């Protein structure tokens, strides 16, 4: 997926990446516009869904109007455009969740809508990976080529995941001096890398297992957070997943499948 990931002293790798991106992004966005136009009329007319649709149309127009990239000056301007579009589209997932919640009573074919969302979220993730990779190629960061870390440490990544500790603490508030450890196992062979987390945080309720990957499902509205947990974890919300909300399950699944997981 990440073509032209190498570096060249003359910067030619940046031009190759930019030209590939200029060719690829309009095609991917055009497919998304086609899918929006295939939605049932009553859903496509929802103001929030229509706003997202128009965001994609606007992005397509800006990308196709941009002249061919011939030199590094053109690439610099193209990077500005890409940054702007990434910012414009940063709330697309939230907007889609809101629009579909507003239109839910009009949805007669759940499979059609799920297929639309699967393709939209998968494509969006792929587009953002390509775009952020190209932008990151311009940065001089040791051990990185674009967004690819050449010396990735799973241990260091895991140390930043505070939600495991949060779930364990929330499940043992009545026994704060007898909280079980969060056990993390990392195993690998020549092909696979497996990370197993055992946090004893309660997990997913059995009654919710069949629905956790549904686009309309959320436990956020019915759950209440114990006030005792706020002083310890409140300041970490911006760095963690926060409270569960609509589309968190399927969005997680999209990330997993795109990276060949299950």
Foldseek 3Di string as FASTA:
>chain_A
DAPLLDDDPVRVSLLVLLQVLLVPVLVLLVVLLVLLVVDPPVLSPQPLNVVLSVLSVVLNVVSVPQDRDDDVVSSVVVLVSLVVSCVVCVCVLVSVLVSCVVCVVVDPDLVSVVVSVLSVLLSVVVSVQSSQQSVQCPDDDPQDRRPDRVDDDPVVVVVLACVLVLLQCQVPVVPNPDGDDWDWDWDDDPPDIDIDTDRPSVPDDPVCPVPLQPQNDFCQVVDDGDPVSCVPCVVVCVVYPHGTDGNPNNSVVSVQVSVVHD
